[in-house]
Amino acid sequence: MKIAIITAVAATALIGGAAFAQQPSTPASAPPAASTGTATSTSVTTTDPATGATATVTTLTNGPVPDTPANRAKYGQPMSNAGKRTPAKGN
């Protein structure tokens, strides 16, 4: 029974290594997103030189919600323990 488990783990490691080796060696890096308090969208297109296949990845992040008295009245207090114990002061 132990031999079968060890064999299965070794086979899984070899398959994972083969899949990892097929990834492009130089991934495209995205420029850092600016923190302006608004939604930010970043797109990166990567091309595999061996097959010519392309993939576009788009990351969309929402900006932070300002911690103002008006937002606390509208949405309630923060959920964190420290946020509940501090007054609203905005960004």
N, C-alpha and C. Protein backbone atom coordinates (compact mmCIF):
# COMPACT_ATOMS: atom_id res chain seq x y z
N MET A 1 0.82 -1.19 0.00
CA MET A 1 0.00 0.00 0.00
C MET A 1 0.87 1.26 0.00
N LYS A 2 1.94 1.29 0.81
CA LYS A 2 2.81 2.45 0.87
C LYS A 2 3.53 2.67 -0.45
N ILE A 3 3.91 1.58 -1.12
CA ILE A 3 4.60 1.70 -2.42
C ILE A 3 3.68 2.34 -3.44
N ALA A 4 2.40 1.98 -3.42
CA ALA A 4 1.44 2.55 -4.38
C ALA A 4 1.28 4.04 -4.15
N ILE A 5 1.23 4.47 -2.91
CA ILE A 5 1.08 5.89 -2.60
C ILE A 5 2.32 6.65 -3.03
N ILE A 6 3.49 6.11 -2.74
CA ILE A 6 4.74 6.76 -3.12
C ILE A 6 4.85 6.86 -4.64
N THR A 7 4.44 5.81 -5.33
CA THR A 7 4.46 5.81 -6.79
C THR A 7 3.50 6.86 -7.34
N ALA A 8 2.32 6.97 -6.75
CA ALA A 8 1.34 7.95 -7.21
C ALA A 8 1.85 9.37 -6.98
N VAL A 9 2.48 9.63 -5.85
CA VAL A 9 3.03 10.95 -5.56
C VAL A 9 4.15 11.29 -6.55
N ALA A 10 5.00 10.32 -6.83
CA ALA A 10 6.10 10.56 -7.78
C ALA A 10 5.55 10.84 -9.18
N ALA A 11 4.53 10.10 -9.60
CA ALA A 11 3.95 10.32 -10.92
C ALA A 11 3.30 11.70 -11.00
N THR A 12 2.63 12.10 -9.93
CA THR A 12 2.01 13.43 -9.91
C THR A 12 3.06 14.53 -10.00
N ALA A 13 4.17 14.36 -9.30
CA ALA A 13 5.25 15.34 -9.36
C ALA A 13 5.83 15.43 -10.76
N LEU A 14 6.00 14.31 -11.43
CA LEU A 14 6.55 14.33 -12.79
C LEU A 14 5.59 14.99 -13.77
N ILE A 15 4.30 14.71 -13.63
CA ILE A 15 3.32 15.33 -14.52
C ILE A 15 3.26 16.83 -14.28
N GLY A 16 3.31 17.24 -13.00
CA GLY A 16 3.30 18.66 -12.69
C GLY A 16 4.54 19.36 -13.22
N GLY A 17 5.69 18.70 -13.14
CA GLY A 17 6.92 19.28 -13.66
C GLY A 17 6.87 19.44 -15.17
N ALA A 18 6.28 18.47 -15.86
CA ALA A 18 6.16 18.56 -17.31
C ALA A 18 5.22 19.69 -17.71
N ALA A 19 4.13 19.86 -16.96
CA ALA A 19 3.19 20.95 -17.26
C ALA A 19 3.85 22.29 -17.00
N PHE A 20 4.63 22.39 -15.94
CA PHE A 20 5.31 23.64 -15.62
C PHE A 20 6.35 23.99 -16.68
N ALA A 21 7.01 22.98 -17.22
CA ALA A 21 8.05 23.21 -18.22
C ALA A 21 7.47 23.75 -19.52
N GLN A 22 6.18 23.54 -19.77
CA GLN A 22 5.56 24.02 -21.00
C GLN A 22 5.21 25.50 -20.93
N GLN A 23 5.28 26.12 -19.77
CA GLN A 23 4.95 27.54 -19.63
C GLN A 23 6.08 28.38 -20.24
N PRO A 24 5.74 29.56 -20.78
CA PRO A 24 6.79 30.43 -21.33
C PRO A 24 7.77 30.84 -20.22
N SER A 25 9.03 30.93 -20.58
CA SER A 25 10.05 31.21 -19.57
C SER A 25 10.15 32.69 -19.24
N THR A 26 9.63 33.57 -20.09
CA THR A 26 9.70 35.01 -19.82
C THR A 26 8.29 35.58 -19.84
N PRO A 27 7.59 35.55 -18.69
CA PRO A 27 6.23 36.09 -18.67
C PRO A 27 6.25 37.62 -18.79
N ALA A 28 5.22 38.14 -19.40
CA ALA A 28 5.10 39.59 -19.53
C ALA A 28 4.71 40.18 -18.18
N SER A 29 5.32 41.30 -17.83
CA SER A 29 4.98 41.92 -16.56
C SER A 29 4.16 43.17 -16.82
N ALA A 30 3.17 43.39 -15.95
CA ALA A 30 2.30 44.54 -16.09
C ALA A 30 2.88 45.71 -15.30
N PRO A 31 2.65 46.91 -15.77
CA PRO A 31 3.11 48.07 -14.99
C PRO A 31 2.30 48.17 -13.72
N PRO A 32 2.88 48.68 -12.64
CA PRO A 32 2.13 48.78 -11.40
C PRO A 32 0.97 49.75 -11.54
N ALA A 33 -0.14 49.40 -10.93
CA ALA A 33 -1.32 50.25 -11.01
C ALA A 33 -1.19 51.40 -10.02
N ALA A 34 -1.65 52.55 -10.44
CA ALA A 34 -1.59 53.72 -9.57
C ALA A 34 -2.72 53.65 -8.56
N SER A 35 -2.45 54.05 -7.35
CA SER A 35 -3.44 54.02 -6.28
C SER A 35 -4.10 55.39 -6.20
N THR A 36 -5.22 55.56 -6.92
CA THR A 36 -5.90 56.84 -6.95
C THR A 36 -7.23 56.80 -6.22
N GLY A 37 -7.66 55.65 -5.73
CA GLY A 37 -8.94 55.55 -5.05
C GLY A 37 -10.07 55.26 -6.01
N THR A 38 -9.78 55.00 -7.27
CA THR A 38 -10.81 54.66 -8.25
C THR A 38 -10.52 53.27 -8.80
N ALA A 39 -11.44 52.77 -9.60
CA ALA A 39 -11.25 51.45 -10.20
C ALA A 39 -10.05 51.48 -11.15
N THR A 40 -9.29 50.39 -11.16
CA THR A 40 -8.10 50.29 -12.00
C THR A 40 -8.20 49.03 -12.83
N SER A 41 -7.89 49.14 -14.11
CA SER A 41 -7.91 47.99 -15.00
C SER A 41 -6.55 47.85 -15.66
N THR A 42 -6.01 46.63 -15.66
CA THR A 42 -4.72 46.36 -16.27
C THR A 42 -4.86 45.15 -17.19
N SER A 43 -4.38 45.26 -18.43
CA SER A 43 -4.42 44.15 -19.37
C SER A 43 -2.99 43.78 -19.76
N VAL A 44 -2.74 42.47 -19.82
CA VAL A 44 -1.44 41.94 -20.23
C VAL A 44 -1.68 40.87 -21.28
N THR A 45 -1.01 40.97 -22.42
CA THR A 45 -1.11 39.96 -23.47
C THR A 45 0.21 39.22 -23.55
N THR A 46 0.13 37.88 -23.47
CA THR A 46 1.32 37.03 -23.52
C THR A 46 1.22 36.14 -24.74
N THR A 47 2.32 35.98 -25.47
CA THR A 47 2.37 35.13 -26.65
C THR A 47 3.39 34.02 -26.42
N ASP A 48 2.97 32.78 -26.69
CA ASP A 48 3.88 31.64 -26.60
C ASP A 48 4.63 31.53 -27.92
N PRO A 49 5.97 31.70 -27.91
CA PRO A 49 6.71 31.70 -29.17
C PRO A 49 6.69 30.35 -29.88
N ALA A 50 6.55 29.25 -29.15
CA ALA A 50 6.58 27.94 -29.78
C ALA A 50 5.32 27.67 -30.59
N THR A 51 4.16 28.04 -30.06
CA THR A 51 2.91 27.71 -30.74
C THR A 51 2.23 28.93 -31.35
N GLY A 52 2.62 30.13 -30.94
CA GLY A 52 1.99 31.34 -31.44
C GLY A 52 0.68 31.65 -30.75
N ALA A 53 0.32 30.87 -29.72
CA ALA A 53 -0.92 31.11 -29.00
C ALA A 53 -0.78 32.36 -28.13
N THR A 54 -1.87 33.12 -28.03
CA THR A 54 -1.85 34.33 -27.21
C THR A 54 -2.93 34.23 -26.14
N ALA A 55 -2.68 34.88 -25.03
CA ALA A 55 -3.66 34.95 -23.94
C ALA A 55 -3.62 36.37 -23.39
N THR A 56 -4.80 36.94 -23.21
CA THR A 56 -4.92 38.27 -22.63
C THR A 56 -5.58 38.15 -21.27
N VAL A 57 -4.93 38.69 -20.25
CA VAL A 57 -5.45 38.65 -18.89
C VAL A 57 -5.76 40.08 -18.47
N THR A 58 -6.98 40.34 -18.02
CA THR A 58 -7.38 41.65 -17.57
C THR A 58 -7.70 41.57 -16.09
N THR A 59 -7.07 42.44 -15.30
CA THR A 59 -7.32 42.50 -13.87
C THR A 59 -8.02 43.81 -13.56
N LEU A 60 -9.16 43.73 -12.88
CA LEU A 60 -9.92 44.91 -12.51
C LEU A 60 -10.02 44.96 -11.00
N THR A 61 -9.60 46.07 -10.42
CA THR A 61 -9.69 46.23 -8.97
C THR A 61 -10.51 47.46 -8.66
N ASN A 62 -11.25 47.39 -7.59
CA ASN A 62 -12.01 48.54 -7.13
C ASN A 62 -11.16 49.34 -6.17
N GLY A 63 -11.32 50.62 -6.19
CA GLY A 63 -10.58 51.47 -5.28
C GLY A 63 -11.16 51.39 -3.88
N PRO A 64 -10.46 51.92 -2.90
CA PRO A 64 -10.96 51.87 -1.53
C PRO A 64 -12.15 52.80 -1.34
N VAL A 65 -13.03 52.45 -0.43
CA VAL A 65 -14.17 53.29 -0.09
C VAL A 65 -13.70 54.26 0.99
N PRO A 66 -13.85 55.57 0.76
CA PRO A 66 -13.39 56.54 1.78
C PRO A 66 -14.15 56.34 3.09
N ASP A 67 -13.43 56.40 4.19
CA ASP A 67 -14.02 56.23 5.52
C ASP A 67 -14.44 57.60 6.03
N THR A 68 -15.59 58.08 5.55
CA THR A 68 -16.11 59.38 5.95
C THR A 68 -17.35 59.20 6.80
N PRO A 69 -17.75 60.20 7.56
CA PRO A 69 -18.99 60.08 8.33
C PRO A 69 -20.21 59.79 7.47
N ALA A 70 -20.25 60.37 6.25
CA ALA A 70 -21.38 60.13 5.36
C ALA A 70 -21.43 58.66 4.92
N ASN A 71 -20.27 58.07 4.58
CA ASN A 71 -20.24 56.67 4.18
C ASN A 71 -20.56 55.74 5.33
N ARG A 72 -20.14 56.11 6.55
CA ARG A 72 -20.49 55.28 7.72
C ARG A 72 -22.00 55.33 7.98
N ALA A 73 -22.62 56.50 7.76
CA ALA A 73 -24.07 56.60 7.95
C ALA A 73 -24.81 55.79 6.89
N LYS A 74 -24.25 55.75 5.68
CA LYS A 74 -24.91 55.05 4.57
C LYS A 74 -24.67 53.54 4.61
N TYR A 75 -23.42 53.11 4.88
CA TYR A 75 -23.06 51.70 4.78
C TYR A 75 -22.79 51.02 6.12
N GLY A 76 -22.72 51.77 7.20
CA GLY A 76 -22.42 51.18 8.50
C GLY A 76 -20.94 51.26 8.80
N GLN A 77 -20.57 50.82 10.02
CA GLN A 77 -19.18 50.90 10.44
C GLN A 77 -18.35 49.80 9.80
N PRO A 78 -17.03 49.95 9.84
CA PRO A 78 -16.15 48.89 9.34
C PRO A 78 -16.36 47.60 10.11
N MET A 79 -16.01 46.48 9.50
CA MET A 79 -16.19 45.18 10.14
C MET A 79 -15.02 44.81 11.05
N SER A 80 -13.87 45.45 10.87
CA SER A 80 -12.72 45.10 11.69
C SER A 80 -12.87 45.68 13.09
N ASN A 81 -12.23 45.05 14.06
CA ASN A 81 -12.29 45.50 15.44
C ASN A 81 -11.68 46.89 15.58
N ALA A 82 -10.54 47.12 14.95
CA ALA A 82 -9.89 48.43 15.03
C ALA A 82 -10.71 49.49 14.33
N GLY A 83 -11.35 49.16 13.22
CA GLY A 83 -12.16 50.13 12.49
C GLY A 83 -13.38 50.57 13.27
N LYS A 84 -13.93 49.66 14.08
CA LYS A 84 -15.09 50.01 14.89
C LYS A 84 -14.71 50.94 16.05
N ARG A 85 -13.45 50.90 16.47
CA ARG A 85 -13.02 51.69 17.62
C ARG A 85 -12.42 53.03 17.23
N THR A 86 -12.32 53.35 15.95
CA THR A 86 -11.73 54.62 15.52
C THR A 86 -12.77 55.47 14.82
N PRO A 87 -12.64 56.79 14.90
CA PRO A 87 -13.62 57.66 14.21
C PRO A 87 -13.36 57.71 12.71
N ALA A 88 -14.37 58.08 11.97
CA ALA A 88 -14.23 58.25 10.53
C ALA A 88 -13.38 59.47 10.27
N LYS A 89 -12.40 59.35 9.33
CA LYS A 89 -11.55 60.51 9.04
C LYS A 89 -11.31 60.71 7.55
N GLY A 90 -11.89 59.91 6.68
CA GLY A 90 -11.71 60.09 5.24
C GLY A 90 -10.38 59.58 4.76
N ASN A 91 -10.04 59.90 3.52
CA ASN A 91 -8.78 59.43 2.96
C ASN A 91 -7.80 60.56 2.89
